[in-house]
């Protein structure tokens, strides 16, 4: 009887390994609406009357009020349009993230496409670079748990704007 039991177990294991596996659906159906295709709009600089500016950007826009608490999934920034007659439609800027000793942690370029009317300030929001939630901006609320503070530098690379019609 003893030699038969290991033989049966061996045959059962072979059968299980060689049998075609049934795929099992593990997601629920009908929970999400299908994505509706949207029309692609041309970039703002391709529309008539728009212009992309890459020089002397300090007279057009001012960035301030950056914030990113430890647990935040988005970073925020205030952008002020300094012009009297131009609506800024997008801002492209390079963000450099630095540790407390001034060493670079990360660098990226973001394009913020929220319109900013003349002489107005808008809060712009974009996804954070800190996906593991282990860093916080040094001027944000200090977290209770262990985390690393960082600082940021902004270099505005270009802005896209268009002239508002005269009233």
N, C-alpha and C. Protein backbone atom coordinates (compact mmCIF):
# COMPACT_ATOMS: atom_id res chain seq x y z
N UNK A 1 0.81 -1.19 0.00
CA UNK A 1 0.00 0.00 0.00
C UNK A 1 0.86 1.27 0.00
N UNK A 2 1.99 1.20 0.67
CA UNK A 2 2.83 2.38 0.78
C UNK A 2 3.37 2.87 -0.55
N UNK A 3 3.88 2.03 -1.41
CA UNK A 3 4.41 2.53 -2.68
C UNK A 3 3.31 3.12 -3.55
N UNK A 4 2.09 2.73 -3.38
CA UNK A 4 1.00 3.22 -4.20
C UNK A 4 0.64 4.66 -3.85
N UNK A 5 0.65 5.04 -2.57
CA UNK A 5 0.27 6.38 -2.16
C UNK A 5 1.20 7.46 -2.75
N UNK A 6 2.52 7.32 -2.67
CA UNK A 6 3.38 8.31 -3.31
C UNK A 6 3.17 8.35 -4.83
N UNK A 7 2.92 7.23 -5.42
CA UNK A 7 2.68 7.20 -6.85
C UNK A 7 1.40 7.96 -7.20
N UNK A 8 0.36 7.78 -6.41
CA UNK A 8 -0.90 8.51 -6.64
C UNK A 8 -0.71 10.01 -6.46
N UNK A 9 0.04 10.40 -5.43
CA UNK A 9 0.31 11.83 -5.22
C UNK A 9 1.11 12.41 -6.38
N UNK A 10 2.07 11.66 -6.86
CA UNK A 10 2.86 12.10 -8.00
C UNK A 10 1.99 12.28 -9.24
N UNK A 11 1.11 11.34 -9.51
CA UNK A 11 0.21 11.42 -10.68
C UNK A 11 -0.75 12.59 -10.52
N UNK A 12 -1.27 12.79 -9.31
CA UNK A 12 -2.19 13.91 -9.06
C UNK A 12 -1.48 15.25 -9.29
N UNK A 13 -0.23 15.37 -8.83
CA UNK A 13 0.53 16.61 -9.02
C UNK A 13 0.78 16.86 -10.50
N UNK A 14 1.11 15.83 -11.26
CA UNK A 14 1.34 15.97 -12.70
C UNK A 14 0.06 16.42 -13.39
N UNK A 15 -1.05 15.83 -13.00
CA UNK A 15 -2.34 16.20 -13.61
C UNK A 15 -2.68 17.66 -13.33
N UNK A 16 -2.42 18.11 -12.11
CA UNK A 16 -2.72 19.50 -11.76
C UNK A 16 -1.83 20.46 -12.53
N UNK A 17 -0.59 20.09 -12.73
CA UNK A 17 0.34 20.98 -13.43
C UNK A 17 0.09 21.01 -14.93
N UNK A 18 -0.37 19.94 -15.50
CA UNK A 18 -0.57 19.89 -16.95
C UNK A 18 -1.98 20.27 -17.37
N UNK A 19 -2.92 20.35 -16.44
CA UNK A 19 -4.30 20.72 -16.79
C UNK A 19 -4.33 22.19 -17.19
N UNK A 20 -5.13 22.53 -18.20
CA UNK A 20 -5.21 23.94 -18.59
C UNK A 20 -5.82 24.76 -17.46
N UNK A 21 -5.17 25.87 -17.17
CA UNK A 21 -5.64 26.72 -16.07
C UNK A 21 -6.83 27.55 -16.53
N UNK A 22 -7.84 27.59 -15.71
CA UNK A 22 -9.01 28.41 -16.00
C UNK A 22 -8.70 29.83 -15.54
N UNK A 23 -8.90 30.79 -16.41
CA UNK A 23 -8.70 32.19 -16.03
C UNK A 23 -9.89 32.65 -15.20
N UNK A 24 -9.62 33.33 -14.15
CA UNK A 24 -10.67 33.81 -13.28
C UNK A 24 -10.69 35.32 -13.33
N UNK A 25 -11.85 35.88 -13.60
CA UNK A 25 -11.99 37.34 -13.64
C UNK A 25 -12.12 37.83 -12.20
N UNK A 26 -11.24 38.76 -11.81
CA UNK A 26 -11.23 39.24 -10.43
C UNK A 26 -11.73 40.67 -10.29
N UNK A 27 -12.07 41.30 -11.39
CA UNK A 27 -12.58 42.67 -11.31
C UNK A 27 -14.09 42.67 -11.48
N UNK A 28 -14.68 43.66 -10.88
CA UNK A 28 -16.13 43.80 -11.00
C UNK A 28 -16.45 44.54 -12.29
N UNK A 29 -17.56 44.19 -12.89
CA UNK A 29 -17.95 44.86 -14.12
C UNK A 29 -19.04 45.88 -13.83
N UNK A 30 -19.12 46.88 -14.69
CA UNK A 30 -20.19 47.86 -14.59
C UNK A 30 -19.97 48.93 -13.54
N UNK A 31 -18.80 48.97 -12.92
CA UNK A 31 -18.57 49.96 -11.86
C UNK A 31 -18.08 51.29 -12.42
N UNK A 32 -17.37 51.25 -13.51
CA UNK A 32 -16.83 52.48 -14.09
C UNK A 32 -17.49 52.76 -15.43
N UNK A 33 -17.70 54.01 -15.69
CA UNK A 33 -18.25 54.41 -16.98
C UNK A 33 -17.13 54.37 -18.01
N UNK A 34 -17.41 53.97 -19.24
CA UNK A 34 -16.36 53.98 -20.25
C UNK A 34 -15.91 55.41 -20.55
N UNK A 35 -14.65 55.54 -20.87
CA UNK A 35 -14.10 56.85 -21.18
C UNK A 35 -14.70 57.36 -22.48
N UNK A 36 -15.11 58.62 -22.46
CA UNK A 36 -15.68 59.25 -23.65
C UNK A 36 -14.55 59.96 -24.38
N UNK A 37 -14.32 59.64 -25.65
CA UNK A 37 -13.23 60.33 -26.35
C UNK A 37 -13.55 61.82 -26.48
N UNK A 38 -12.54 62.63 -26.29
CA UNK A 38 -12.71 64.06 -26.41
C UNK A 38 -11.89 64.57 -27.59
N UNK A 39 -12.34 65.66 -28.13
CA UNK A 39 -11.63 66.25 -29.26
C UNK A 39 -10.32 66.85 -28.76
N UNK A 40 -9.30 66.70 -29.53
CA UNK A 40 -8.00 67.25 -29.18
C UNK A 40 -7.96 68.70 -29.65
N UNK A 41 -7.64 69.59 -28.73
CA UNK A 41 -7.56 70.99 -29.10
C UNK A 41 -6.12 71.35 -29.42
N UNK A 42 -5.92 72.26 -30.34
CA UNK A 42 -4.55 72.65 -30.66
C UNK A 42 -3.93 73.40 -29.49
N UNK A 43 -2.62 73.38 -29.35
CA UNK A 43 -1.99 74.12 -28.27
C UNK A 43 -2.28 75.61 -28.37
N UNK A 44 -2.18 76.28 -27.23
CA UNK A 44 -2.54 77.69 -27.18
C UNK A 44 -1.71 78.54 -28.12
N UNK A 45 -0.46 78.17 -28.34
CA UNK A 45 0.39 78.99 -29.20
C UNK A 45 0.01 78.86 -30.67
N UNK A 46 -0.84 77.85 -31.01
CA UNK A 46 -1.23 77.67 -32.40
C UNK A 46 -2.49 78.47 -32.75
N UNK A 47 -3.13 79.04 -31.75
CA UNK A 47 -4.33 79.82 -32.03
C UNK A 47 -3.95 81.22 -32.45
N UNK A 48 -4.75 81.85 -33.32
CA UNK A 48 -4.42 83.19 -33.77
C UNK A 48 -4.36 84.16 -32.59
N UNK A 49 -3.40 85.05 -32.63
CA UNK A 49 -3.28 86.07 -31.60
C UNK A 49 -2.51 85.61 -30.38
N UNK A 50 -2.04 84.37 -30.34
CA UNK A 50 -1.26 83.89 -29.20
C UNK A 50 0.22 84.05 -29.49
N UNK A 51 0.99 84.08 -28.43
CA UNK A 51 2.42 84.23 -28.58
C UNK A 51 3.10 83.49 -27.44
N UNK A 52 4.22 82.85 -27.72
CA UNK A 52 5.02 82.21 -26.69
C UNK A 52 6.22 83.10 -26.41
N UNK A 53 6.38 83.45 -25.15
CA UNK A 53 7.43 84.38 -24.74
C UNK A 53 8.46 83.60 -23.94
N UNK A 54 9.74 83.80 -24.27
CA UNK A 54 10.79 83.06 -23.59
C UNK A 54 11.86 83.96 -22.97
N UNK A 55 11.75 85.27 -23.14
CA UNK A 55 12.76 86.19 -22.61
C UNK A 55 12.11 87.24 -21.72
N UNK A 56 12.84 87.66 -20.71
CA UNK A 56 12.40 88.72 -19.79
C UNK A 56 11.02 88.39 -19.20
N UNK A 57 10.89 87.19 -18.67
CA UNK A 57 9.59 86.72 -18.18
C UNK A 57 9.20 87.37 -16.86
N UNK A 58 10.15 87.96 -16.15
CA UNK A 58 9.86 88.60 -14.87
C UNK A 58 8.90 89.78 -14.98
N UNK A 59 8.78 90.37 -16.15
CA UNK A 59 7.83 91.48 -16.29
C UNK A 59 6.43 91.00 -16.63
N UNK A 60 6.26 89.71 -16.89
CA UNK A 60 4.95 89.15 -17.24
C UNK A 60 4.31 88.37 -16.10
N UNK A 61 5.11 87.63 -15.34
CA UNK A 61 4.56 86.71 -14.35
C UNK A 61 5.44 86.66 -13.11
N UNK A 62 4.79 86.43 -11.96
CA UNK A 62 5.51 86.29 -10.70
C UNK A 62 4.98 85.03 -10.01
N UNK A 63 5.89 84.14 -9.59
CA UNK A 63 5.51 82.91 -8.89
C UNK A 63 5.83 83.04 -7.42
N UNK A 64 4.89 82.62 -6.56
CA UNK A 64 5.09 82.68 -5.11
C UNK A 64 4.13 81.71 -4.45
N UNK A 65 4.26 81.56 -3.14
CA UNK A 65 3.30 80.79 -2.36
C UNK A 65 3.30 79.30 -2.64
N UNK A 66 4.47 78.73 -2.88
CA UNK A 66 4.57 77.29 -3.12
C UNK A 66 4.27 76.54 -1.82
N UNK A 67 3.62 75.37 -1.94
CA UNK A 67 3.35 74.55 -0.76
C UNK A 67 3.22 73.08 -1.15
N UNK A 68 3.70 72.20 -0.27
CA UNK A 68 3.53 70.75 -0.42
C UNK A 68 3.75 70.11 0.94
N UNK A 69 2.65 69.87 1.70
CA UNK A 69 2.79 69.16 2.97
C UNK A 69 3.22 67.71 2.73
N UNK A 70 3.58 67.03 3.79
CA UNK A 70 4.11 65.68 3.69
C UNK A 70 3.15 64.72 3.00
N UNK A 71 1.88 64.73 3.36
CA UNK A 71 0.94 63.74 2.84
C UNK A 71 0.22 64.19 1.57
N UNK A 72 0.57 65.34 1.04
CA UNK A 72 -0.13 65.87 -0.13
C UNK A 72 0.23 65.10 -1.40
N UNK A 73 -0.76 64.93 -2.27
CA UNK A 73 -0.52 64.28 -3.56
C UNK A 73 -0.33 65.32 -4.65
N UNK A 74 -0.53 66.60 -4.31
CA UNK A 74 -0.38 67.68 -5.28
C UNK A 74 0.45 68.81 -4.67
N UNK A 75 1.13 69.52 -5.52
CA UNK A 75 1.87 70.70 -5.12
C UNK A 75 1.07 71.92 -5.60
N UNK A 76 1.11 73.00 -4.84
CA UNK A 76 0.39 74.21 -5.24
C UNK A 76 1.35 75.38 -5.33
N UNK A 77 0.93 76.35 -6.11
CA UNK A 77 1.78 77.49 -6.42
C UNK A 77 0.88 78.64 -6.83
N UNK A 78 1.21 79.86 -6.43
CA UNK A 78 0.45 81.04 -6.85
C UNK A 78 1.21 81.74 -7.98
N UNK A 79 0.50 82.02 -9.05
CA UNK A 79 1.09 82.72 -10.19
C UNK A 79 0.33 84.02 -10.42
N UNK A 80 1.05 85.12 -10.48
CA UNK A 80 0.44 86.43 -10.67
C UNK A 80 0.78 86.95 -12.06
N UNK A 81 -0.25 87.32 -12.81
CA UNK A 81 -0.07 87.93 -14.13
C UNK A 81 0.19 89.41 -13.91
N UNK A 82 1.35 89.90 -14.30
CA UNK A 82 1.76 91.28 -14.07
C UNK A 82 1.37 92.22 -15.21
N UNK A 83 0.77 91.69 -16.27
CA UNK A 83 0.47 92.53 -17.44
C UNK A 83 -0.90 93.18 -17.30
N UNK A 84 -1.12 94.20 -18.14
CA UNK A 84 -2.40 94.91 -18.14
C UNK A 84 -3.36 94.40 -19.21
N UNK A 85 -2.86 93.75 -20.26
CA UNK A 85 -3.74 93.38 -21.36
C UNK A 85 -3.50 91.97 -21.92
N UNK A 86 -2.66 91.16 -21.29
CA UNK A 86 -2.38 89.82 -21.79
C UNK A 86 -2.94 88.77 -20.83
N UNK A 87 -3.63 87.77 -21.38
CA UNK A 87 -4.05 86.62 -20.59
C UNK A 87 -3.01 85.53 -20.79
N UNK A 88 -2.44 85.07 -19.70
CA UNK A 88 -1.45 83.98 -19.76
C UNK A 88 -2.22 82.67 -19.80
N UNK A 89 -2.00 81.88 -20.84
CA UNK A 89 -2.73 80.62 -20.99
C UNK A 89 -1.95 79.42 -20.51
N UNK A 90 -0.62 79.49 -20.49
CA UNK A 90 0.18 78.39 -19.93
C UNK A 90 1.54 78.91 -19.51
N UNK A 91 2.11 78.22 -18.54
CA UNK A 91 3.43 78.55 -18.01
C UNK A 91 4.24 77.26 -18.00
N UNK A 92 5.41 77.31 -18.60
CA UNK A 92 6.33 76.17 -18.55
C UNK A 92 7.48 76.55 -17.63
N UNK A 93 7.68 75.77 -16.58
CA UNK A 93 8.77 76.10 -15.67
C UNK A 93 9.52 74.84 -15.24
N UNK A 94 10.78 75.07 -14.92
CA UNK A 94 11.64 74.01 -14.40
C UNK A 94 11.64 74.15 -12.88
N UNK A 95 11.43 73.02 -12.19
CA UNK A 95 11.44 73.02 -10.73
C UNK A 95 12.64 72.19 -10.29
N UNK A 96 13.45 72.78 -9.43
CA UNK A 96 14.61 72.09 -8.88
C UNK A 96 14.36 71.91 -7.39
N UNK A 97 14.40 70.67 -6.93
CA UNK A 97 14.16 70.33 -5.53
C UNK A 97 15.50 70.14 -4.85
N UNK A 98 15.70 70.83 -3.71
CA UNK A 98 16.99 70.83 -3.02
C UNK A 98 16.83 70.38 -1.58
N UNK A 99 17.83 69.65 -1.05
CA UNK A 99 17.78 69.29 0.37
C UNK A 99 18.26 70.47 1.20
N UNK A 100 18.34 70.29 2.51
CA UNK A 100 18.69 71.39 3.41
C UNK A 100 20.12 71.89 3.22
N UNK A 101 20.97 71.09 2.58
CA UNK A 101 22.35 71.51 2.30
C UNK A 101 22.52 72.10 0.91
N UNK A 102 21.42 72.22 0.16
CA UNK A 102 21.49 72.79 -1.17
C UNK A 102 21.80 71.79 -2.27
N UNK A 103 21.84 70.50 -1.94
CA UNK A 103 22.09 69.48 -2.95
C UNK A 103 20.80 69.14 -3.68
N UNK A 104 20.91 68.90 -4.96
CA UNK A 104 19.73 68.62 -5.78
C UNK A 104 19.18 67.24 -5.49
N UNK A 105 17.86 67.18 -5.20
CA UNK A 105 17.17 65.91 -5.01
C UNK A 105 16.51 65.44 -6.29
N UNK A 106 15.95 66.40 -7.03
CA UNK A 106 15.18 66.07 -8.23
C UNK A 106 15.05 67.33 -9.08
N UNK A 107 14.81 67.14 -10.35
CA UNK A 107 14.59 68.26 -11.26
C UNK A 107 13.56 67.81 -12.28
N UNK A 108 12.61 68.69 -12.59
CA UNK A 108 11.63 68.36 -13.61
C UNK A 108 11.08 69.63 -14.23
N UNK A 109 10.44 69.46 -15.38
CA UNK A 109 9.80 70.56 -16.08
C UNK A 109 8.30 70.28 -16.11
N UNK A 110 7.51 71.28 -15.72
CA UNK A 110 6.06 71.14 -15.73
C UNK A 110 5.47 72.25 -16.58
N UNK A 111 4.35 71.95 -17.22
CA UNK A 111 3.58 72.94 -17.96
C UNK A 111 2.25 73.11 -17.27
N UNK A 112 1.98 74.31 -16.80
CA UNK A 112 0.75 74.61 -16.08
C UNK A 112 -0.17 75.36 -17.04
N UNK A 113 -1.31 74.76 -17.35
CA UNK A 113 -2.17 75.30 -18.41
C UNK A 113 -3.44 75.95 -17.90
N UNK A 114 -3.39 76.64 -16.80
CA UNK A 114 -4.56 77.36 -16.30
C UNK A 114 -4.46 78.81 -16.73
N UNK A 115 -5.54 79.38 -17.30
CA UNK A 115 -5.47 80.77 -17.74
C UNK A 115 -5.41 81.73 -16.55
N UNK A 116 -4.59 82.77 -16.71
CA UNK A 116 -4.45 83.80 -15.68
C UNK A 116 -4.76 85.14 -16.34
N UNK A 117 -5.83 85.75 -15.91
CA UNK A 117 -6.28 87.03 -16.48
C UNK A 117 -5.31 88.14 -16.08
N UNK A 118 -5.32 89.27 -16.83
CA UNK A 118 -4.43 90.39 -16.51
C UNK A 118 -4.64 90.88 -15.07
N UNK A 119 -3.55 91.14 -14.39
CA UNK A 119 -3.54 91.66 -13.01
C UNK A 119 -4.26 90.76 -12.02
N UNK A 120 -4.27 89.46 -12.29
CA UNK A 120 -4.92 88.49 -11.40
C UNK A 120 -3.88 87.49 -10.91
N UNK A 121 -4.21 86.84 -9.79
CA UNK A 121 -3.38 85.77 -9.25
C UNK A 121 -4.21 84.51 -9.20
N UNK A 122 -3.64 83.41 -9.66
CA UNK A 122 -4.32 82.11 -9.66
C UNK A 122 -3.47 81.10 -8.89
N UNK A 123 -4.15 80.20 -8.18
CA UNK A 123 -3.44 79.10 -7.54
C UNK A 123 -3.39 77.94 -8.52
N UNK A 124 -2.20 77.50 -8.86
CA UNK A 124 -2.00 76.42 -9.80
C UNK A 124 -1.63 75.16 -9.02
N UNK A 125 -2.13 74.03 -9.47
CA UNK A 125 -1.91 72.77 -8.78
C UNK A 125 -1.42 71.74 -9.79
N UNK A 126 -0.49 70.89 -9.36
CA UNK A 126 0.04 69.86 -10.25
C UNK A 126 0.47 68.67 -9.40
N UNK A 127 0.53 67.46 -9.99
CA UNK A 127 0.90 66.26 -9.22
C UNK A 127 2.30 66.38 -8.62
N UNK A 128 2.45 65.82 -7.45
CA UNK A 128 3.72 65.92 -6.74
C UNK A 128 4.78 64.98 -7.31
N UNK A 129 6.01 65.32 -7.09
CA UNK A 129 7.14 64.47 -7.48
C UNK A 129 7.40 63.42 -6.41
N UNK A 130 6.92 63.65 -5.19
CA UNK A 130 7.21 62.80 -4.04
C UNK A 130 6.12 61.73 -3.91
N UNK A 131 6.24 60.66 -4.67
CA UNK A 131 5.22 59.62 -4.70
C UNK A 131 5.19 58.79 -3.42
N UNK A 132 6.27 58.72 -2.68
CA UNK A 132 6.31 57.92 -1.46
C UNK A 132 5.95 58.73 -0.21
N UNK A 133 5.69 60.00 -0.37
CA UNK A 133 5.29 60.89 0.73
C UNK A 133 6.33 60.87 1.87
N UNK A 134 7.57 61.09 1.50
CA UNK A 134 8.63 61.11 2.51
C UNK A 134 9.31 62.48 2.61
N UNK A 135 8.90 63.45 1.80
CA UNK A 135 9.47 64.79 1.81
C UNK A 135 8.36 65.81 2.07
N UNK A 136 8.73 66.93 2.66
CA UNK A 136 7.78 68.04 2.82
C UNK A 136 8.52 69.35 2.56
N UNK A 137 7.80 70.34 2.05
CA UNK A 137 8.39 71.65 1.79
C UNK A 137 8.76 72.29 3.12
N UNK A 138 9.93 72.88 3.22
CA UNK A 138 10.46 73.37 4.49
C UNK A 138 9.60 74.43 5.15
N UNK A 139 8.78 75.17 4.40
CA UNK A 139 7.91 76.19 4.99
C UNK A 139 6.49 75.68 5.24
N UNK A 140 6.22 74.42 4.92
CA UNK A 140 4.92 73.82 5.22
C UNK A 140 4.87 73.46 6.70
N UNK A 141 3.71 72.98 7.13
CA UNK A 141 3.55 72.53 8.51
C UNK A 141 4.49 71.36 8.76
N UNK A 142 5.24 71.43 9.83
CA UNK A 142 6.19 70.36 10.14
C UNK A 142 5.41 69.11 10.55
N UNK A 143 5.68 67.98 9.89
CA UNK A 143 4.92 66.76 10.20
C UNK A 143 5.35 66.15 11.54
N UNK A 144 4.46 65.34 12.10
CA UNK A 144 4.75 64.67 13.37
C UNK A 144 5.71 63.50 13.18
N UNK A 145 5.61 62.83 12.05
CA UNK A 145 6.48 61.69 11.82
C UNK A 145 7.76 62.13 11.12
N UNK A 146 8.74 61.24 11.10
CA UNK A 146 10.04 61.51 10.49
C UNK A 146 9.88 61.77 9.00
N UNK A 147 10.39 62.88 8.51
CA UNK A 147 10.34 63.22 7.09
C UNK A 147 11.49 64.17 6.77
N UNK A 148 11.77 64.31 5.50
CA UNK A 148 12.89 65.13 5.05
C UNK A 148 12.38 66.45 4.48
N UNK A 149 12.86 67.59 5.00
CA UNK A 149 12.46 68.88 4.42
C UNK A 149 13.23 69.15 3.13
N UNK A 150 12.62 69.93 2.25
CA UNK A 150 13.30 70.31 1.02
C UNK A 150 12.92 71.74 0.65
N UNK A 151 13.67 72.31 -0.25
CA UNK A 151 13.40 73.66 -0.77
C UNK A 151 13.26 73.54 -2.28
N UNK A 152 12.72 74.59 -2.92
CA UNK A 152 12.54 74.57 -4.36
C UNK A 152 13.10 75.83 -4.99
N UNK A 153 13.50 75.69 -6.24
CA UNK A 153 13.87 76.83 -7.10
C UNK A 153 13.04 76.71 -8.36
N UNK A 154 12.55 77.82 -8.86
CA UNK A 154 11.78 77.83 -10.09
C UNK A 154 12.52 78.63 -11.15
N UNK A 155 12.57 78.06 -12.35
CA UNK A 155 13.07 78.78 -13.52
C UNK A 155 11.93 78.77 -14.54
N UNK A 156 11.38 79.94 -14.83
CA UNK A 156 10.31 80.01 -15.81
C UNK A 156 10.95 79.94 -17.19
N UNK A 157 10.57 78.93 -17.96
CA UNK A 157 11.16 78.71 -19.28
C UNK A 157 10.41 79.46 -20.37
N UNK A 158 9.07 79.44 -20.31
CA UNK A 158 8.28 80.16 -21.30
C UNK A 158 6.86 80.34 -20.79
N UNK A 159 6.19 81.31 -21.37
CA UNK A 159 4.76 81.51 -21.11
C UNK A 159 4.07 81.66 -22.46
N UNK A 160 2.83 81.23 -22.50
CA UNK A 160 2.01 81.42 -23.69
C UNK A 160 0.88 82.36 -23.30
N UNK A 161 0.68 83.39 -24.10
CA UNK A 161 -0.34 84.37 -23.75
C UNK A 161 -1.01 84.89 -25.01
N UNK A 162 -2.15 85.53 -24.82
CA UNK A 162 -2.81 86.19 -25.94
C UNK A 162 -3.35 87.54 -25.45
N UNK A 163 -3.44 88.44 -26.39
CA UNK A 163 -3.89 89.79 -26.09
C UNK A 163 -5.40 89.81 -25.95
N UNK A 164 -5.88 90.43 -24.89
CA UNK A 164 -7.32 90.57 -24.68
C UNK A 164 -7.87 91.63 -25.61
N UNK A 165 -9.09 91.43 -26.11
CA UNK A 165 -9.69 92.47 -26.94
C UNK A 165 -9.96 93.74 -26.13
N UNK A 166 -9.75 94.86 -26.78
CA UNK A 166 -9.98 96.14 -26.12
C UNK A 166 -11.47 96.38 -25.95
N UNK A 167 -11.93 96.85 -24.76
CA UNK A 167 -13.38 97.07 -24.55
C UNK A 167 -13.89 98.27 -25.30
